[in-house]
Amino acid sequence: MAILVIAEHDNATLKGATLNTVTAAAACGGDIHVLVAGAGAQAAAAAAAQVAGVAKVLLADAPTLADGLAENLAAQVLALAPGYSHILFAATASGKNVAPRVAAKLDVAQLSDITRVLSADTFERPVYAGNAIATVQSADAVKVITVRTTGFEAAASGGAAAVESIAAVADAGKSRLVSRALSKSDRPELTAAKVIVSGGRALGSPSKFAEVLTPLADKLGAAIGASRAAVDAGYAPNDLQVGQTGKIVAPQLYVACGISGAIQHLAGMKDSKVVVAINKDPEAPIFSVADYGLEADLFTAVPALVQAL
């Protein structure tokens, strides 16, 4: 049977997480179909059709799907579910909102946060904050899966799939979007950034957090992240939190400034290709995962690094 990937998009462009999810789908075997559910989403559907490995794009276009409400999107997926052996979502806020509804309605177990596909019915996923890897086998007829995008490379372009329009489901009438407040930033989005500079509680204040990290991030063209301790202390907004209860990232370069390296934080960034840690505590756990460690006062080391760059 075919595999259904639920696309994440803004009705105009595909989000990068969809490309990683397509790669995971390809490892499951079978034809890959991508569902683009939205309003005025023809451009997003056209982009999905150009992803390598995609056999067909299903476009459900209606005002009821414009805002990605979980109830309506889940109903759209359920209408298609009988034709698929696997239904894959990215393990993002949106995917985690919709996938459990689909799994519950289908009366199957959800396979969450997979990082590797061993076979069509067997997968690996991290447990205990990433300190162990569980191998999970499912006998369910339909496998509802969320994909940890950092575990898979993004699918390439070069495809030429057909786009098929399908009937959109009726409005479930259970929720409506009241408003959406989007943060604006000239920096790369945290989960898609190739370079991330993160700060911890050692920075001491919101003003110091910005004063010390911003010049380094500007030099490196990096996104800015924060530990949970820094967010809890009010030094940085919640959407910058990296960790098990924040965002999972895997950039090419991760620079941790004044971050001790609690398990919660390590779970969110230890898959980074190169980790640089700056901390004056030689016993800080962050050094156990760092490729390069600098035992120094960050208030001296970071400005010196900026100067050198």
C-alpha atoms as a PDB file:
ATOM      1  CA  MET A   1       0.000   0.000   0.000  1.00  0.00           C
ATOM      2  CA  ALA A   2       0.980   3.635  -0.339  1.00  0.00           C
ATOM      3  CA  ILE A   3       2.368   5.948   2.338  1.00  0.00           C
ATOM      4  CA  LEU A   4       0.747   9.296   3.180  1.00  0.00           C
ATOM      5  CA  VAL A   5       2.854  12.254   4.309  1.00  0.00           C
ATOM      6  CA  ILE A   6       1.010  15.223   5.815  1.00  0.00           C
ATOM      7  CA  ALA A   7       2.623  18.392   4.503  1.00  0.00           C
ATOM      8  CA  GLU A   8       3.300  21.417   6.672  1.00  0.00           C
ATOM      9  CA  HIS A   9       3.012  24.670   4.777  1.00  0.00           C
ATOM     10  CA  ASP A  10       1.819  28.255   4.914  1.00  0.00           C
ATOM     11  CA  ASN A  11      -0.441  27.834   1.844  1.00  0.00           C
ATOM     12  CA  ALA A  12       2.365  29.205  -0.329  1.00  0.00           C
ATOM     13  CA  THR A  13       5.540  27.291   0.532  1.00  0.00           C
ATOM     14  CA  LEU A  14       6.404  23.957   2.087  1.00  0.00           C
ATOM     15  CA  LYS A  15       8.080  23.939   5.482  1.00  0.00           C
ATOM     16  CA  GLY A  16      11.410  22.163   5.694  1.00  0.00           C
ATOM     17  CA  ALA A  17      10.078  19.559   8.126  1.00  0.00           C
ATOM     18  CA  THR A  18       8.007  18.075   5.299  1.00  0.00           C
ATOM     19  CA  LEU A  19      11.158  17.251   3.328  1.00  0.00           C
ATOM     20  CA  ASN A  20      12.635  15.301   6.255  1.00  0.00           C
ATOM     21  CA  THR A  21       9.350  13.452   6.676  1.00  0.00           C
ATOM     22  CA  VAL A  22       9.382  12.430   3.002  1.00  0.00           C
ATOM     23  CA  THR A  23      12.842  10.915   3.518  1.00  0.00           C
ATOM     24  CA  ALA A  24      11.503   8.863   6.431  1.00  0.00           C
ATOM     25  CA  ALA A  25       8.551   7.778   4.290  1.00  0.00           C
ATOM     26  CA  ALA A  26      10.879   6.617   1.531  1.00  0.00           C
ATOM     27  CA  ALA A  27      12.628   4.308   4.009  1.00  0.00           C
ATOM     28  CA  CYS A  28       9.274   2.631   4.752  1.00  0.00           C
ATOM     29  CA  GLY A  29       8.889   1.489   1.138  1.00  0.00           C
ATOM     30  CA  GLY A  30       5.948   2.027  -1.181  1.00  0.00           C
ATOM     31  CA  ASP A  31       4.604   4.959  -3.169  1.00  0.00           C
ATOM     32  CA  ILE A  32       4.679   8.269  -1.329  1.00  0.00           C
ATOM     33  CA  HIS A  33       1.629  10.526  -1.488  1.00  0.00           C
ATOM     34  CA  VAL A  34       1.683  13.986   0.101  1.00  0.00           C
ATOM     35  CA  LEU A  35      -1.469  15.622   1.463  1.00  0.00           C
ATOM     36  CA  VAL A  36      -1.536  19.409   1.160  1.00  0.00           C
ATOM     37  CA  ALA A  37      -4.599  20.645   3.065  1.00  0.00           C
ATOM     38  CA  GLY A  38      -5.190  24.376   3.074  1.00  0.00           C
ATOM     39  CA  ALA A  39      -6.884  27.290   1.334  1.00  0.00           C
ATOM     40  CA  GLY A  40      -5.387  28.760  -1.809  1.00  0.00           C
ATOM     41  CA  ALA A  41      -2.582  26.235  -1.376  1.00  0.00           C
ATOM     42  CA  GLN A  42      -1.882  25.503  -5.048  1.00  0.00           C
ATOM     43  CA  ALA A  43       1.651  26.885  -4.757  1.00  0.00           C
ATOM     44  CA  ALA A  44       2.410  24.635  -1.792  1.00  0.00           C
ATOM     45  CA  ALA A  45       1.031  21.647  -3.720  1.00  0.00           C
ATOM     46  CA  ALA A  46       3.225  22.524  -6.701  1.00  0.00           C
ATOM     47  CA  ALA A  47       6.255  22.674  -4.404  1.00  0.00           C
ATOM     48  CA  ALA A  48       5.388  19.272  -2.943  1.00  0.00           C
ATOM     49  CA  ALA A  49       5.118  17.832  -6.457  1.00  0.00           C
ATOM     50  CA  GLN A  50       8.750  18.806  -7.073  1.00  0.00           C
ATOM     51  CA  VAL A  51      10.097  16.839  -4.095  1.00  0.00           C
ATOM     52  CA  ALA A  52      12.097  13.809  -5.202  1.00  0.00           C
ATOM     53  CA  GLY A  53      10.424  10.507  -4.391  1.00  0.00           C
ATOM     54  CA  VAL A  54       6.861  11.838  -4.231  1.00  0.00           C
ATOM     55  CA  ALA A  55       4.500   9.895  -6.520  1.00  0.00           C
ATOM     56  CA  LYS A  56       1.352  11.979  -6.039  1.00  0.00           C
ATOM     57  CA  VAL A  57       0.189  15.151  -4.300  1.00  0.00           C
ATOM     58  CA  LEU A  58      -3.345  15.307  -2.930  1.00  0.00           C
ATOM     59  CA  LEU A  59      -4.668  18.859  -2.679  1.00  0.00           C
ATOM     60  CA  ALA A  60      -7.602  19.495  -0.352  1.00  0.00           C
ATOM     61  CA  ASP A  61      -8.421  23.168  -0.782  1.00  0.00           C
ATOM     62  CA  ALA A  62     -11.179  24.836   1.244  1.00  0.00           C
ATOM     63  CA  PRO A  63     -11.625  27.751   3.693  1.00  0.00           C
ATOM     64  CA  THR A  64     -12.189  25.251   6.530  1.00  0.00           C
ATOM     65  CA  LEU A  65      -8.582  24.050   6.111  1.00  0.00           C
ATOM     66  CA  ALA A  66      -7.005  27.499   5.886  1.00  0.00           C
ATOM     67  CA  ASP A  67      -5.769  27.684   9.465  1.00  0.00           C
ATOM     68  CA  GLY A  68      -4.633  24.102   9.994  1.00  0.00           C
ATOM     69  CA  LEU A  69      -7.098  23.487  12.815  1.00  0.00           C
ATOM     70  CA  ALA A  70      -6.394  20.056  14.265  1.00  0.00           C
ATOM     71  CA  GLU A  71     -10.009  18.870  14.203  1.00  0.00           C
ATOM     72  CA  ASN A  72     -10.499  19.650  10.522  1.00  0.00           C
ATOM     73  CA  LEU A  73      -7.072  18.432   9.397  1.00  0.00           C
ATOM     74  CA  ALA A  74      -7.478  15.187  11.347  1.00  0.00           C
ATOM     75  CA  ALA A  75     -10.868  14.621   9.681  1.00  0.00           C
ATOM     76  CA  GLN A  76      -9.274  15.143   6.270  1.00  0.00           C
ATOM     77  CA  VAL A  77      -6.558  12.611   7.043  1.00  0.00           C
ATOM     78  CA  LEU A  78      -9.095  10.099   8.359  1.00  0.00           C
ATOM     79  CA  ALA A  79     -11.075  10.360   5.135  1.00  0.00           C
ATOM     80  CA  LEU A  80      -7.984   9.170   3.271  1.00  0.00           C
ATOM     81  CA  ALA A  81      -6.641   6.704   5.850  1.00  0.00           C
ATOM     82  CA  PRO A  82      -8.187   3.477   4.463  1.00  0.00           C
ATOM     83  CA  GLY A  83      -5.932   3.660   1.402  1.00  0.00           C
ATOM     84  CA  TYR A  84      -2.633   3.828   3.289  1.00  0.00           C
ATOM     85  CA  SER A  85      -0.370   1.567   5.326  1.00  0.00           C
ATOM     86  CA  HIS A  86       1.583   4.450   6.921  1.00  0.00           C
ATOM     87  CA  ILE A  87       0.575   8.021   7.792  1.00  0.00           C
ATOM     88  CA  LEU A  88       3.520  10.248   8.625  1.00  0.00           C
ATOM     89  CA  PHE A  89       3.598  13.637  10.344  1.00  0.00           C
ATOM     90  CA  ALA A  90       6.605  15.742  11.280  1.00  0.00           C
ATOM     91  CA  ALA A  91       7.115  15.784  15.058  1.00  0.00           C
ATOM     92  CA  THR A  92       6.414  19.520  15.218  1.00  0.00           C
ATOM     93  CA  ALA A  93       3.780  21.396  17.208  1.00  0.00           C
ATOM     94  CA  SER A  94       1.342  20.908  14.338  1.00  0.00           C
ATOM     95  CA  GLY A  95       2.121  17.237  13.797  1.00  0.00           C
ATOM     96  CA  LYS A  96       1.913  16.458  17.505  1.00  0.00           C
ATOM     97  CA  ASN A  97      -1.451  18.182  17.616  1.00  0.00           C
ATOM     98  CA  VAL A  98      -3.029  16.194  14.788  1.00  0.00           C
ATOM     99  CA  ALA A  99      -1.384  12.755  14.836  1.00  0.00           C
ATOM    100  CA  PRO A 100      -2.808  11.599  18.224  1.00  0.00           C
ATOM    101  CA  ARG A 101      -6.328  12.443  17.050  1.00  0.00           C
ATOM    102  CA  VAL A 102      -5.830  10.355  13.921  1.00  0.00           C
ATOM    103  CA  ALA A 103      -4.325   7.429  15.849  1.00  0.00           C
ATOM    104  CA  ALA A 104      -7.125   7.471  18.420  1.00  0.00           C
ATOM    105  CA  LYS A 105      -9.844   7.531  15.762  1.00  0.00           C
ATOM    106  CA  LEU A 106      -8.179   4.634  13.940  1.00  0.00           C
ATOM    107  CA  ASP A 107      -7.744   2.779  17.261  1.00  0.00           C
ATOM    108  CA  VAL A 108      -4.024   2.221  16.663  1.00  0.00           C
ATOM    109  CA  ALA A 109      -0.909   3.009  18.671  1.00  0.00           C
ATOM    110  CA  GLN A 110       0.977   6.115  17.621  1.00  0.00           C
ATOM    111  CA  LEU A 111       4.692   5.682  16.920  1.00  0.00           C
ATOM    112  CA  SER A 112       6.199   8.926  18.200  1.00  0.00           C
ATOM    113  CA  ASP A 113       9.387  10.773  17.364  1.00  0.00           C
ATOM    114  CA  ILE A 114      11.043   8.083  15.241  1.00  0.00           C
ATOM    115  CA  THR A 115      14.670   8.688  14.274  1.00  0.00           C
ATOM    116  CA  ARG A 116      15.286   5.616  12.119  1.00  0.00           C
ATOM    117  CA  VAL A 117      13.299   3.198   9.962  1.00  0.00           C
ATOM    118  CA  LEU A 118      14.545  -0.390  10.248  1.00  0.00           C
ATOM    119  CA  SER A 119      11.761  -1.909   8.157  1.00  0.00           C
ATOM    120  CA  ALA A 120       8.178  -1.194   7.178  1.00  0.00           C
ATOM    121  CA  ASP A 121       6.963  -2.145  10.670  1.00  0.00           C
ATOM    122  CA  THR A 122      10.025  -1.546  12.878  1.00  0.00           C
ATOM    123  CA  PHE A 123      11.405   1.813  13.981  1.00  0.00           C
ATOM    124  CA  GLU A 124      13.816   3.409  16.437  1.00  0.00           C
ATOM    125  CA  ARG A 125      12.887   6.252  18.758  1.00  0.00           C
ATOM    126  CA  PRO A 126      14.716   7.952  21.652  1.00  0.00           C
ATOM    127  CA  VAL A 127      13.558   7.400  25.238  1.00  0.00           C
ATOM    128  CA  TYR A 128      14.795   8.693  28.621  1.00  0.00           C
ATOM    129  CA  ALA A 129      15.666  12.102  27.141  1.00  0.00           C
ATOM    130  CA  GLY A 130      17.643  10.448  24.373  1.00  0.00           C
ATOM    131  CA  ASN A 131      19.857   8.423  26.701  1.00  0.00           C
ATOM    132  CA  ALA A 132      18.480   5.169  25.263  1.00  0.00           C
ATOM    133  CA  ILE A 133      17.054   4.139  21.923  1.00  0.00           C
ATOM    134  CA  ALA A 134      13.958   1.937  21.820  1.00  0.00           C
ATOM    135  CA  THR A 135      13.230  -0.378  18.905  1.00  0.00           C
ATOM    136  CA  VAL A 136       9.481  -0.489  18.341  1.00  0.00           C
ATOM    137  CA  GLN A 137       7.602  -2.924  16.112  1.00  0.00           C
ATOM    138  CA  SER A 138       3.981  -2.327  15.172  1.00  0.00           C
ATOM    139  CA  ALA A 139       1.443  -4.890  13.991  1.00  0.00           C
ATOM    140  CA  ASP A 140      -1.245  -2.254  13.337  1.00  0.00           C
ATOM    141  CA  ALA A 141      -2.745  -2.220   9.854  1.00  0.00           C
ATOM    142  CA  VAL A 142      -2.198   1.546   9.638  1.00  0.00           C
ATOM    143  CA  LYS A 143       0.897   2.991  11.269  1.00  0.00           C
ATOM    144  CA  VAL A 144       0.516   6.570  12.476  1.00  0.00           C
ATOM    145  CA  ILE A 145       3.988   8.024  12.906  1.00  0.00           C
ATOM    146  CA  THR A 146       5.579  11.296  13.950  1.00  0.00           C
ATOM    147  CA  VAL A 147       9.090  11.862  12.601  1.00  0.00           C
ATOM    148  CA  ARG A 148      11.881  13.621  14.483  1.00  0.00           C
ATOM    149  CA  THR A 149      13.121  15.697  11.591  1.00  0.00           C
ATOM    150  CA  THR A 150      16.697  15.939  12.869  1.00  0.00           C
ATOM    151  CA  GLY A 151      17.011  12.173  12.368  1.00  0.00           C
ATOM    152  CA  PHE A 152      16.532  12.338   8.590  1.00  0.00           C
ATOM    153  CA  GLU A 153      18.091  14.340   5.767  1.00  0.00           C
ATOM    154  CA  ALA A 154      15.825  16.631   3.783  1.00  0.00           C
ATOM    155  CA  ALA A 155      14.523  15.137   0.546  1.00  0.00           C
ATOM    156  CA  ALA A 156      15.988  16.663  -2.596  1.00  0.00           C
ATOM    157  CA  SER A 157      14.089  18.453  -5.336  1.00  0.00           C
ATOM    158  CA  GLY A 158      13.717  17.157  -8.873  1.00  0.00           C
ATOM    159  CA  GLY A 159      10.404  15.344  -8.673  1.00  0.00           C
ATOM    160  CA  ALA A 160       7.511  15.719 -11.082  1.00  0.00           C
ATOM    161  CA  ALA A 161       4.492  14.272  -9.289  1.00  0.00           C
ATOM    162  CA  ALA A 162       0.911  14.786 -10.408  1.00  0.00           C
ATOM    163  CA  VAL A 163      -1.310  17.051  -8.308  1.00  0.00           C
ATOM    164  CA  GLU A 164      -4.786  15.641  -7.719  1.00  0.00           C
ATOM    165  CA  SER A 165      -7.564  17.758  -6.203  1.00  0.00           C
ATOM    166  CA  ILE A 166      -9.695  15.928  -3.646  1.00  0.00           C
ATOM    167  CA  ALA A 167     -12.875  16.834  -1.802  1.00  0.00           C
ATOM    168  CA  ALA A 168     -12.328  18.744   1.414  1.00  0.00           C
ATOM    169  CA  VAL A 169     -14.116  17.635   4.566  1.00  0.00           C
ATOM    170  CA  ALA A 170     -16.821  19.757   6.152  1.00  0.00           C
ATOM    171  CA  ASP A 171     -15.998  22.025   9.070  1.00  0.00           C
ATOM    172  CA  ALA A 172     -16.011  20.016  12.309  1.00  0.00           C
ATOM    173  CA  GLY A 173     -17.393  23.077  14.074  1.00  0.00           C
ATOM    174  CA  LYS A 174     -15.433  22.341  17.244  1.00  0.00           C
ATOM    175  CA  SER A 175     -12.872  25.113  17.104  1.00  0.00           C
ATOM    176  CA  ARG A 176     -12.016  28.350  15.351  1.00  0.00           C
ATOM    177  CA  LEU A 177      -8.913  30.471  15.055  1.00  0.00           C
ATOM    178  CA  VAL A 178      -9.305  33.683  17.037  1.00  0.00           C
ATOM    179  CA  SER A 179      -5.918  35.220  16.313  1.00  0.00           C
ATOM    180  CA  ARG A 180      -2.347  34.334  15.551  1.00  0.00           C
ATOM    181  CA  ALA A 181       0.662  36.328  16.742  1.00  0.00           C
ATOM    182  CA  LEU A 182       3.807  35.516  14.794  1.00  0.00           C
ATOM    183  CA  SER A 183       7.210  36.654  16.009  1.00  0.00           C
ATOM    184  CA  LYS A 184       9.231  38.454  13.347  1.00  0.00           C
ATOM    185  CA  SER A 185      12.960  37.897  13.065  1.00  0.00           C
ATOM    186  CA  ASP A 186      15.674  38.412  10.491  1.00  0.00           C
ATOM    187  CA  ARG A 187      17.460  35.365  11.873  1.00  0.00           C
ATOM    188  CA  PRO A 188      17.033  31.803  10.636  1.00  0.00           C
ATOM    189  CA  GLU A 189      14.220  29.777  12.193  1.00  0.00           C
ATOM    190  CA  LEU A 190      15.675  27.838  15.120  1.00  0.00           C
ATOM    191  CA  THR A 191      14.883  24.292  13.971  1.00  0.00           C
ATOM    192  CA  ALA A 192      16.123  24.995  10.418  1.00  0.00           C
ATOM    193  CA  ALA A 193      19.275  26.991  11.269  1.00  0.00           C
ATOM    194  CA  LYS A 194      22.704  25.666  10.281  1.00  0.00           C
ATOM    195  CA  VAL A 195      24.374  27.611  13.096  1.00  0.00           C
ATOM    196  CA  ILE A 196      22.915  28.258  16.560  1.00  0.00           C
ATOM    197  CA  VAL A 197      24.324  30.320  19.418  1.00  0.00           C
ATOM    198  CA  SER A 198      22.643  29.460  22.726  1.00  0.00           C
ATOM    199  CA  GLY A 199      22.856  31.061  26.129  1.00  0.00           C
ATOM    200  CA  GLY A 200      22.168  29.812  29.626  1.00  0.00           C
ATOM    201  CA  ARG A 201      21.361  31.137  33.078  1.00  0.00           C
ATOM    202  CA  ALA A 202      24.987  32.225  33.580  1.00  0.00           C
ATOM    203  CA  LEU A 203      24.302  35.275  31.391  1.00  0.00           C
ATOM    204  CA  GLY A 204      22.513  36.763  34.377  1.00  0.00           C
ATOM    205  CA  SER A 205      19.928  39.074  32.820  1.00  0.00           C
ATOM    206  CA  PRO A 206      17.891  39.705  29.660  1.00  0.00           C
ATOM    207  CA  SER A 207      20.102  42.666  28.756  1.00  0.00           C
ATOM    208  CA  LYS A 208      23.310  40.631  29.089  1.00  0.00           C
ATOM    209  CA  PHE A 209      21.743  37.771  27.141  1.00  0.00           C
ATOM    210  CA  ALA A 210      21.192  40.080  24.171  1.00  0.00           C
ATOM    211  CA  GLU A 211      24.385  42.098  24.643  1.00  0.00           C
ATOM    212  CA  VAL A 212      26.706  39.070  24.695  1.00  0.00           C
ATOM    213  CA  LEU A 213      25.054  36.665  22.248  1.00  0.00           C
ATOM    214  CA  THR A 214      23.757  39.000  19.528  1.00  0.00           C
ATOM    215  CA  PRO A 215      27.167  40.121  18.176  1.00  0.00           C
ATOM    216  CA  LEU A 216      28.363  36.496  17.954  1.00  0.00           C
ATOM    217  CA  ALA A 217      25.149  35.393  16.247  1.00  0.00           C
ATOM    218  CA  ASP A 218      25.459  38.292  13.799  1.00  0.00           C
ATOM    219  CA  LYS A 219      29.029  37.309  12.930  1.00  0.00           C
ATOM    220  CA  LEU A 220      28.076  33.671  12.348  1.00  0.00           C
ATOM    221  CA  GLY A 221      24.713  34.319  10.678  1.00  0.00           C
ATOM    222  CA  ALA A 222      23.227  32.191  13.439  1.00  0.00           C
ATOM    223  CA  ALA A 223      19.906  31.680  15.141  1.00  0.00           C
ATOM    224  CA  ILE A 224      19.782  32.354  18.887  1.00  0.00           C
ATOM    225  CA  GLY A 225      18.668  29.679  21.332  1.00  0.00           C
ATOM    226  CA  ALA A 226      18.386  29.394  25.098  1.00  0.00           C
ATOM    227  CA  SER A 227      18.401  26.788  27.822  1.00  0.00           C
ATOM    228  CA  ARG A 228      15.259  26.160  29.823  1.00  0.00           C
ATOM    229  CA  ALA A 229      16.881  27.812  32.842  1.00  0.00           C
ATOM    230  CA  ALA A 230      17.460  30.996  30.836  1.00  0.00           C
ATOM    231  CA  VAL A 231      13.874  30.978  29.565  1.00  0.00           C
ATOM    232  CA  ASP A 232      12.447  30.321  33.040  1.00  0.00           C
ATOM    233  CA  ALA A 233      14.506  33.207  34.383  1.00  0.00           C
ATOM    234  CA  GLY A 234      13.015  35.509  31.745  1.00  0.00           C
ATOM    235  CA  TYR A 235      16.227  36.109  29.803  1.00  0.00           C
ATOM    236  CA  ALA A 236      14.760  34.846  26.523  1.00  0.00           C
ATOM    237  CA  PRO A 237      11.296  34.125  25.101  1.00  0.00           C
ATOM    238  CA  ASN A 238       9.876  30.619  25.222  1.00  0.00           C
ATOM    239  CA  ASP A 239      10.154  30.086  21.462  1.00  0.00           C
ATOM    240  CA  LEU A 240      13.961  30.153  21.750  1.00  0.00           C
ATOM    241  CA  GLN A 241      14.123  27.236  24.192  1.00  0.00           C
ATOM    242  CA  VAL A 242      16.227  24.289  23.077  1.00  0.00           C
ATOM    243  CA  GLY A 243      15.712  20.987  24.863  1.00  0.00           C
ATOM    244  CA  GLN A 244      13.392  18.124  25.589  1.00  0.00           C
ATOM    245  CA  THR A 245      10.552  20.499  26.475  1.00  0.00           C
ATOM    246  CA  GLY A 246      11.589  23.025  23.829  1.00  0.00           C
ATOM    247  CA  LYS A 247      12.852  22.591  20.295  1.00  0.00           C
ATOM    248  CA  ILE A 248      14.968  19.719  19.012  1.00  0.00           C
ATOM    249  CA  VAL A 249      17.784  21.030  16.815  1.00  0.00           C
ATOM    250  CA  ALA A 250      20.668  19.527  14.862  1.00  0.00           C
ATOM    251  CA  PRO A 251      22.624  22.366  13.245  1.00  0.00           C
ATOM    252  CA  GLN A 252      26.051  22.109  11.651  1.00  0.00           C
ATOM    253  CA  LEU A 253      27.443  24.221  14.520  1.00  0.00           C
ATOM    254  CA  TYR A 254      26.026  24.692  18.031  1.00  0.00           C
ATOM    255  CA  VAL A 255      27.740  27.175  20.353  1.00  0.00           C
ATOM    256  CA  ALA A 256      26.657  26.818  23.995  1.00  0.00           C
ATOM    257  CA  CYS A 257      27.543  29.848  26.131  1.00  0.00           C
ATOM    258  CA  GLY A 258      27.139  29.521  29.894  1.00  0.00           C
ATOM    259  CA  ILE A 259      25.006  26.382  29.606  1.00  0.00           C
ATOM    260  CA  SER A 260      25.747  23.676  32.174  1.00  0.00           C
ATOM    261  CA  GLY A 261      24.308  20.874  30.046  1.00  0.00           C
ATOM    262  CA  ALA A 262      21.383  19.438  31.983  1.00  0.00           C
ATOM    263  CA  ILE A 263      19.906  16.262  30.492  1.00  0.00           C
ATOM    264  CA  GLN A 264      16.837  18.223  29.394  1.00  0.00           C
ATOM    265  CA  HIS A 265      19.000  20.536  27.279  1.00  0.00           C
ATOM    266  CA  LEU A 266      21.319  17.852  25.912  1.00  0.00           C
ATOM    267  CA  ALA A 267      18.302  15.932  24.613  1.00  0.00           C
ATOM    268  CA  GLY A 268      17.518  18.852  22.327  1.00  0.00           C
ATOM    269  CA  MET A 269      20.925  19.546  20.790  1.00  0.00           C
ATOM    270  CA  LYS A 270      23.326  16.622  21.124  1.00  0.00           C
ATOM    271  CA  ASP A 271      22.738  15.566  17.498  1.00  0.00           C
ATOM    272  CA  SER A 272      24.427  18.790  16.349  1.00  0.00           C
ATOM    273  CA  LYS A 273      27.321  18.095  13.984  1.00  0.00           C
ATOM    274  CA  VAL A 274      29.837  20.235  15.916  1.00  0.00           C
ATOM    275  CA  VAL A 275      29.268  21.421  19.497  1.00  0.00           C
ATOM    276  CA  VAL A 276      31.331  24.219  21.033  1.00  0.00           C
ATOM    277  CA  ALA A 277      30.952  24.817  24.775  1.00  0.00           C
ATOM    278  CA  ILE A 278      32.083  27.911  26.674  1.00  0.00           C
ATOM    279  CA  ASN A 279      31.796  27.518  30.449  1.00  0.00           C
ATOM    280  CA  LYS A 280      33.978  28.378  33.428  1.00  0.00           C
ATOM    281  CA  ASP A 281      32.965  25.214  35.310  1.00  0.00           C
ATOM    282  CA  PRO A 282      35.298  22.366  34.239  1.00  0.00           C
ATOM    283  CA  GLU A 283      32.783  19.828  35.574  1.00  0.00           C
ATOM    284  CA  ALA A 284      29.873  21.109  33.468  1.00  0.00           C
ATOM    285  CA  PRO A 285      28.115  18.182  31.733  1.00  0.00           C
ATOM    286  CA  ILE A 286      28.038  20.133  28.464  1.00  0.00           C
ATOM    287  CA  PHE A 287      31.723  19.294  28.002  1.00  0.00           C
ATOM    288  CA  SER A 288      30.837  15.590  27.745  1.00  0.00           C
ATOM    289  CA  VAL A 289      29.113  16.176  24.394  1.00  0.00           C
ATOM    290  CA  ALA A 290      31.232  19.090  23.162  1.00  0.00           C
ATOM    291  CA  ASP A 291      33.646  18.648  20.264  1.00  0.00           C
ATOM    292  CA  TYR A 292      35.453  21.787  21.409  1.00  0.00           C
ATOM    293  CA  GLY A 293      35.376  23.049  24.983  1.00  0.00           C
ATOM    294  CA  LEU A 294      36.639  26.360  26.326  1.00  0.00           C
ATOM    295  CA  GLU A 295      36.939  26.658  30.099  1.00  0.00           C
ATOM    296  CA  ALA A 296      36.603  30.407  30.466  1.00  0.00           C
ATOM    297  CA  ASP A 297      34.375  33.234  31.634  1.00  0.00           C
ATOM    298  CA  LEU A 298      31.859  33.735  28.806  1.00  0.00           C
ATOM    299  CA  PHE A 299      31.788  37.506  29.413  1.00  0.00           C
ATOM    300  CA  THR A 300      35.459  37.570  28.392  1.00  0.00           C
ATOM    301  CA  ALA A 301      35.584  34.711  25.903  1.00  0.00           C
ATOM    302  CA  VAL A 302      32.571  35.559  23.740  1.00  0.00           C
ATOM    303  CA  PRO A 303      33.568  39.209  23.052  1.00  0.00           C
ATOM    304  CA  ALA A 304      37.091  37.990  22.276  1.00  0.00           C
ATOM    305  CA  LEU A 305      35.684  35.433  19.863  1.00  0.00           C
ATOM    306  CA  VAL A 306      33.585  38.123  18.182  1.00  0.00           C
ATOM    307  CA  GLN A 307      36.676  40.306  17.879  1.00  0.00           C
ATOM    308  CA  ALA A 308      38.647  37.445  16.340  1.00  0.00           C
ATOM    309  CA  LEU A 309      35.920  36.779  13.812  1.00  0.00           C
END
